[in-house]
Amino acid sequence: MSCKSCGSVNVTKLNAEMNLHFRGHEGLDAPTVWLFPEVVVCLDCGFAEFSVPDRELRNLQRSPAA
């Protein structure tokens, strides 16, 4: 696997804990969405990527702040 940003092969997979929330004042009242994804991080340039699972993606889509 190589970095999609810089092409380096110096990447690692890490487990993460994320709390997603919407921006702005509207986001203060919207419920947050917790994720526990596997994140691929480039150890050379810092580029990182992950996928949002279907259940959490539906929660984000249903939020009034979306």
PDB file of N, CA and C in Angstrom:
ATOM      1  N   MET A   1       0.855  -1.171   0.000  1.00  0.00           N
ATOM      2  CA  MET A   1       0.000   0.000   0.000  1.00  0.00           C
ATOM      3  C   MET A   1       0.900   1.233   0.000  1.00  0.00           C
ATOM      4  N   SER A   2       0.507   2.239  -0.748  1.00  0.00           N
ATOM      5  CA  SER A   2       1.282   3.476  -0.774  1.00  0.00           C
ATOM      6  C   SER A   2       0.368   4.672  -0.502  1.00  0.00           C
ATOM      7  N   CYS A   3       0.978   5.768  -0.092  1.00  0.00           N
ATOM      8  CA  CYS A   3       0.250   6.993   0.249  1.00  0.00           C
ATOM      9  C   CYS A   3      -0.385   7.587  -1.011  1.00  0.00           C
ATOM     10  N   LYS A   4      -1.645   7.952  -0.923  1.00  0.00           N
ATOM     11  CA  LYS A   4      -2.344   8.550  -2.064  1.00  0.00           C
ATOM     12  C   LYS A   4      -1.913   9.990  -2.305  1.00  0.00           C
ATOM     13  N   SER A   5      -1.240  10.594  -1.329  1.00  0.00           N
ATOM     14  CA  SER A   5      -0.821  11.976  -1.467  1.00  0.00           C
ATOM     15  C   SER A   5       0.603  12.100  -2.023  1.00  0.00           C
ATOM     16  N   CYS A   6       1.567  11.382  -1.401  1.00  0.00           N
ATOM     17  CA  CYS A   6       2.958  11.544  -1.801  1.00  0.00           C
ATOM     18  C   CYS A   6       3.568  10.300  -2.434  1.00  0.00           C
ATOM     19  N   GLY A   7       2.852   9.164  -2.400  1.00  0.00           N
ATOM     20  CA  GLY A   7       3.343   7.944  -3.007  1.00  0.00           C
ATOM     21  C   GLY A   7       4.272   7.116  -2.129  1.00  0.00           C
ATOM     22  N   SER A   8       4.566   7.579  -0.941  1.00  0.00           N
ATOM     23  CA  SER A   8       5.455   6.855  -0.032  1.00  0.00           C
ATOM     24  C   SER A   8       4.850   5.512   0.359  1.00  0.00           C
ATOM     25  N   VAL A   9       5.703   4.535   0.608  1.00  0.00           N
ATOM     26  CA  VAL A   9       5.242   3.249   1.116  1.00  0.00           C
ATOM     27  C   VAL A   9       5.387   3.185   2.634  1.00  0.00           C
ATOM     28  N   ASN A  10       5.802   4.280   3.242  1.00  0.00           N
ATOM     29  CA  ASN A  10       5.990   4.352   4.687  1.00  0.00           C
ATOM     30  C   ASN A  10       4.660   4.719   5.345  1.00  0.00           C
ATOM     31  N   VAL A  11       3.695   3.793   5.274  1.00  0.00           N
ATOM     32  CA  VAL A  11       2.364   4.012   5.839  1.00  0.00           C
ATOM     33  C   VAL A  11       2.095   2.962   6.909  1.00  0.00           C
ATOM     34  N   THR A  12       1.198   3.289   7.816  1.00  0.00           N
ATOM     35  CA  THR A  12       0.814   2.342   8.856  1.00  0.00           C
ATOM     36  C   THR A  12      -0.683   2.445   9.100  1.00  0.00           C
ATOM     37  N   LYS A  13      -1.263   1.353   9.586  1.00  0.00           N
ATOM     38  CA  LYS A  13      -2.679   1.336   9.943  1.00  0.00           C
ATOM     39  C   LYS A  13      -2.778   1.467  11.456  1.00  0.00           C
ATOM     40  N   LEU A  14      -3.653   2.347  11.898  1.00  0.00           N
ATOM     41  CA  LEU A  14      -3.853   2.582  13.323  1.00  0.00           C
ATOM     42  C   LEU A  14      -5.334   2.521  13.648  1.00  0.00           C
ATOM     43  N   ASN A  15      -5.650   2.125  14.857  1.00  0.00           N
ATOM     44  CA  ASN A  15      -7.027   2.191  15.332  1.00  0.00           C
ATOM     45  C   ASN A  15      -7.265   3.582  15.894  1.00  0.00           C
ATOM     46  N   ALA A  16      -8.453   4.111  15.672  1.00  0.00           N
ATOM     47  CA  ALA A  16      -8.747   5.468  16.119  1.00  0.00           C
ATOM     48  C   ALA A  16     -10.094   5.531  16.824  1.00  0.00           C
ATOM     49  N   GLU A  17     -10.243   6.564  17.606  1.00  0.00           N
ATOM     50  CA  GLU A  17     -11.506   6.893  18.256  1.00  0.00           C
ATOM     51  C   GLU A  17     -11.803   8.338  17.872  1.00  0.00           C
ATOM     52  N   MET A  18     -12.928   8.569  17.200  1.00  0.00           N
ATOM     53  CA  MET A  18     -13.269   9.906  16.712  1.00  0.00           C
ATOM     54  C   MET A  18     -14.681  10.287  17.131  1.00  0.00           C
ATOM     55  N   ASN A  19     -14.846  11.534  17.421  1.00  0.00           N
ATOM     56  CA  ASN A  19     -16.159  12.087  17.732  1.00  0.00           C
ATOM     57  C   ASN A  19     -16.426  13.173  16.694  1.00  0.00           C
ATOM     58  N   LEU A  20     -17.290  12.876  15.726  1.00  0.00           N
ATOM     59  CA  LEU A  20     -17.596  13.835  14.664  1.00  0.00           C
ATOM     60  C   LEU A  20     -18.743  14.742  15.093  1.00  0.00           C
ATOM     61  N   HIS A  21     -18.579  16.026  14.793  1.00  0.00           N
ATOM     62  CA  HIS A  21     -19.651  16.978  15.073  1.00  0.00           C
ATOM     63  C   HIS A  21     -19.684  18.005  13.963  1.00  0.00           C
ATOM     64  N   PHE A  22     -20.826  18.629  13.801  1.00  0.00           N
ATOM     65  CA  PHE A  22     -21.006  19.603  12.732  1.00  0.00           C
ATOM     66  C   PHE A  22     -20.467  20.961  13.147  1.00  0.00           C
ATOM     67  N   ARG A  23     -20.070  21.721  12.156  1.00  0.00           N
ATOM     68  CA  ARG A  23     -19.491  23.044  12.385  1.00  0.00           C
ATOM     69  C   ARG A  23     -20.581  24.078  12.658  1.00  0.00           C
ATOM     70  N   GLY A  24     -20.158  25.188  13.194  1.00  0.00           N
ATOM     71  CA  GLY A  24     -21.045  26.323  13.391  1.00  0.00           C
ATOM     72  C   GLY A  24     -21.977  26.162  14.570  1.00  0.00           C
ATOM     73  N   HIS A  25     -22.819  27.167  14.752  1.00  0.00           N
ATOM     74  CA  HIS A  25     -23.759  27.166  15.873  1.00  0.00           C
ATOM     75  C   HIS A  25     -24.789  26.047  15.777  1.00  0.00           C
ATOM     76  N   GLU A  26     -25.174  25.691  14.535  1.00  0.00           N
ATOM     77  CA  GLU A  26     -26.146  24.607  14.362  1.00  0.00           C
ATOM     78  C   GLU A  26     -25.577  23.296  14.888  1.00  0.00           C
ATOM     79  N   GLY A  27     -24.282  23.123  14.733  1.00  0.00           N
ATOM     80  CA  GLY A  27     -23.634  21.895  15.160  1.00  0.00           C
ATOM     81  C   GLY A  27     -23.607  21.703  16.664  1.00  0.00           C
ATOM     82  N   LEU A  28     -23.765  22.788  17.415  1.00  0.00           N
ATOM     83  CA  LEU A  28     -23.749  22.684  18.876  1.00  0.00           C
ATOM     84  C   LEU A  28     -24.951  21.900  19.400  1.00  0.00           C
ATOM     85  N   ASP A  29     -26.069  21.982  18.695  1.00  0.00           N
ATOM     86  CA  ASP A  29     -27.280  21.292  19.129  1.00  0.00           C
ATOM     87  C   ASP A  29     -27.453  19.908  18.499  1.00  0.00           C
ATOM     88  N   ALA A  30     -26.696  19.621  17.443  1.00  0.00           N
ATOM     89  CA  ALA A  30     -26.820  18.328  16.764  1.00  0.00           C
ATOM     90  C   ALA A  30     -26.037  17.263  17.538  1.00  0.00           C
ATOM     91  N   PRO A  31     -26.559  16.052  17.604  1.00  0.00           N
ATOM     92  CA  PRO A  31     -25.819  14.991  18.292  1.00  0.00           C
ATOM     93  C   PRO A  31     -24.520  14.661  17.558  1.00  0.00           C
ATOM     94  N   THR A  32     -23.496  14.318  18.315  1.00  0.00           N
ATOM     95  CA  THR A  32     -22.232  13.918  17.713  1.00  0.00           C
ATOM     96  C   THR A  32     -22.325  12.453  17.286  1.00  0.00           C
ATOM     97  N   VAL A  33     -21.391  12.043  16.449  1.00  0.00           N
ATOM     98  CA  VAL A  33     -21.341  10.659  15.976  1.00  0.00           C
ATOM     99  C   VAL A  33     -19.962  10.097  16.316  1.00  0.00           C
ATOM    100  N   TRP A  34     -19.949   9.022  17.085  1.00  0.00           N
ATOM    101  CA  TRP A  34     -18.695   8.365  17.459  1.00  0.00           C
ATOM    102  C   TRP A  34     -18.306   7.352  16.396  1.00  0.00           C
ATOM    103  N   LEU A  35     -17.009   7.316  16.061  1.00  0.00           N
ATOM    104  CA  LEU A  35     -16.456   6.351  15.116  1.00  0.00           C
ATOM    105  C   LEU A  35     -15.240   5.691  15.748  1.00  0.00           C
ATOM    106  N   PHE A  36     -14.995   4.456  15.373  1.00  0.00           N
ATOM    107  CA  PHE A  36     -13.812   3.740  15.809  1.00  0.00           C
ATOM    108  C   PHE A  36     -13.168   3.081  14.585  1.00  0.00           C
ATOM    109  N   PRO A  37     -12.718   3.919  13.623  1.00  0.00           N
ATOM    110  CA  PRO A  37     -12.224   3.373  12.360  1.00  0.00           C
ATOM    111  C   PRO A  37     -10.759   2.946  12.434  1.00  0.00           C
ATOM    112  N   GLU A  38     -10.372   2.195  11.420  1.00  0.00           N
ATOM    113  CA  GLU A  38      -8.965   1.946  11.174  1.00  0.00           C
ATOM    114  C   GLU A  38      -8.513   3.079  10.260  1.00  0.00           C
ATOM    115  N   VAL A  39      -7.440   3.762  10.633  1.00  0.00           N
ATOM    116  CA  VAL A  39      -6.939   4.913   9.879  1.00  0.00           C
ATOM    117  C   VAL A  39      -5.591   4.552   9.270  1.00  0.00           C
ATOM    118  N   VAL A  40      -5.422   4.847   7.993  1.00  0.00           N
ATOM    119  CA  VAL A  40      -4.139   4.648   7.324  1.00  0.00           C
ATOM    120  C   VAL A  40      -3.426   6.000   7.341  1.00  0.00           C
ATOM    121  N   VAL A  41      -2.229   6.025   7.921  1.00  0.00           N
ATOM    122  CA  VAL A  41      -1.474   7.275   8.080  1.00  0.00           C
ATOM    123  C   VAL A  41      -0.134   7.155   7.363  1.00  0.00           C
ATOM    124  N   CYS A  42       0.198   8.157   6.554  1.00  0.00           N
ATOM    125  CA  CYS A  42       1.511   8.222   5.916  1.00  0.00           C
ATOM    126  C   CYS A  42       2.482   8.813   6.940  1.00  0.00           C
ATOM    127  N   LEU A  43       3.534   8.094   7.222  1.00  0.00           N
ATOM    128  CA  LEU A  43       4.503   8.549   8.205  1.00  0.00           C
ATOM    129  C   LEU A  43       5.506   9.530   7.615  1.00  0.00           C
ATOM    130  N   ASP A  44       5.386   9.831   6.321  1.00  0.00           N
ATOM    131  CA  ASP A  44       6.256  10.822   5.691  1.00  0.00           C
ATOM    132  C   ASP A  44       5.576  12.181   5.546  1.00  0.00           C
ATOM    133  N   CYS A  45       4.351  12.207   5.023  1.00  0.00           N
ATOM    134  CA  CYS A  45       3.692  13.500   4.775  1.00  0.00           C
ATOM    135  C   CYS A  45       2.533  13.788   5.723  1.00  0.00           C
ATOM    136  N   GLY A  46       2.061  12.760   6.458  1.00  0.00           N
ATOM    137  CA  GLY A  46       0.971  12.970   7.408  1.00  0.00           C
ATOM    138  C   GLY A  46      -0.421  12.771   6.842  1.00  0.00           C
ATOM    139  N   PHE A  47      -0.536  12.475   5.567  1.00  0.00           N
ATOM    140  CA  PHE A  47      -1.853  12.228   4.973  1.00  0.00           C
ATOM    141  C   PHE A  47      -2.495  11.042   5.679  1.00  0.00           C
ATOM    142  N   ALA A  48      -3.784  11.147   5.966  1.00  0.00           N
ATOM    143  CA  ALA A  48      -4.508  10.068   6.629  1.00  0.00           C
ATOM    144  C   ALA A  48      -5.855   9.865   5.945  1.00  0.00           C
ATOM    145  N   GLU A  49      -6.338   8.622   5.977  1.00  0.00           N
ATOM    146  CA  GLU A  49      -7.653   8.348   5.402  1.00  0.00           C
ATOM    147  C   GLU A  49      -8.344   7.243   6.184  1.00  0.00           C
ATOM    148  N   PHE A  50      -9.696   7.319   6.158  1.00  0.00           N
ATOM    149  CA  PHE A  50     -10.520   6.316   6.817  1.00  0.00           C
ATOM    150  C   PHE A  50     -11.883   6.323   6.152  1.00  0.00           C
ATOM    151  N   SER A  51     -12.665   5.303   6.425  1.00  0.00           N
ATOM    152  CA  SER A  51     -14.026   5.215   5.908  1.00  0.00           C
ATOM    153  C   SER A  51     -15.006   5.300   7.071  1.00  0.00           C
ATOM    154  N   VAL A  52     -16.154   5.907   6.807  1.00  0.00           N
ATOM    155  CA  VAL A  52     -17.219   5.990   7.806  1.00  0.00           C
ATOM    156  C   VAL A  52     -18.156   4.814   7.581  1.00  0.00           C
ATOM    157  N   PRO A  53     -18.331   3.951   8.582  1.00  0.00           N
ATOM    158  CA  PRO A  53     -19.232   2.804   8.428  1.00  0.00           C
ATOM    159  C   PRO A  53     -20.665   3.234   8.118  1.00  0.00           C
ATOM    160  N   ASP A  54     -21.433   2.345   7.478  1.00  0.00           N
ATOM    161  CA  ASP A  54     -22.794   2.660   7.022  1.00  0.00           C
ATOM    162  C   ASP A  54     -23.692   3.211   8.126  1.00  0.00           C
ATOM    163  N   ARG A  55     -23.696   2.582   9.289  1.00  0.00           N
ATOM    164  CA  ARG A  55     -24.594   3.016  10.363  1.00  0.00           C
ATOM    165  C   ARG A  55     -24.289   4.451  10.788  1.00  0.00           C
ATOM    166  N   GLU A  56     -23.011   4.766  10.966  1.00  0.00           N
ATOM    167  CA  GLU A  56     -22.626   6.109  11.370  1.00  0.00           C
ATOM    168  C   GLU A  56     -22.856   7.113  10.246  1.00  0.00           C
ATOM    169  N   LEU A  57     -22.668   6.676   9.006  1.00  0.00           N
ATOM    170  CA  LEU A  57     -22.926   7.552   7.860  1.00  0.00           C
ATOM    171  C   LEU A  57     -24.402   7.933   7.799  1.00  0.00           C
ATOM    172  N   ARG A  58     -25.285   6.969   8.057  1.00  0.00           N
ATOM    173  CA  ARG A  58     -26.731   7.277   8.087  1.00  0.00           C
ATOM    174  C   ARG A  58     -27.051   8.267   9.204  1.00  0.00           C
ATOM    175  N   ASN A  59     -26.405   8.137  10.343  1.00  0.00           N
ATOM    176  CA  ASN A  59     -26.614   9.091  11.447  1.00  0.00           C
ATOM    177  C   ASN A  59     -26.190  10.489  11.030  1.00  0.00           C
ATOM    178  N   LEU A  60     -25.095  10.598  10.315  1.00  0.00           N
ATOM    179  CA  LEU A  60     -24.645  11.910   9.854  1.00  0.00           C
ATOM    180  C   LEU A  60     -25.619  12.483   8.831  1.00  0.00           C
ATOM    181  N   GLN A  61     -26.148  11.648   7.946  1.00  0.00           N
ATOM    182  CA  GLN A  61     -27.086  12.102   6.922  1.00  0.00           C
ATOM    183  C   GLN A  61     -28.409  12.568   7.515  1.00  0.00           C
ATOM    184  N   ARG A  62     -28.828  11.949   8.607  1.00  0.00           N
ATOM    185  CA  ARG A  62     -30.116  12.278   9.226  1.00  0.00           C
ATOM    186  C   ARG A  62     -30.045  13.504  10.141  1.00  0.00           C
ATOM    187  N   SER A  63     -28.859  13.944  10.459  1.00  0.00           N
ATOM    188  CA  SER A  63     -28.721  15.062  11.379  1.00  0.00           C
ATOM    189  C   SER A  63     -29.327  16.339  10.798  1.00  0.00           C
ATOM    190  N   PRO A  64     -30.035  17.108  11.604  1.00  0.00           N
ATOM    191  CA  PRO A  64     -30.606  18.367  11.106  1.00  0.00           C
ATOM    192  C   PRO A  64     -29.533  19.383  10.698  1.00  0.00           C
ATOM    193  N   ALA A  65     -28.324  19.218  11.199  1.00  0.00           N
ATOM    194  CA  ALA A  65     -27.251  20.155  10.860  1.00  0.00           C
ATOM    195  C   ALA A  65     -26.545  19.806   9.558  1.00  0.00           C
ATOM    196  N   ALA A  66     -26.890  18.650   8.955  1.00  0.00           N
ATOM    197  CA  ALA A  66     -26.189  18.182   7.747  1.00  0.00           C
ATOM    198  C   ALA A  66     -26.439  19.087   6.555  1.00  0.00           C
TER     199      ALA A  66
END
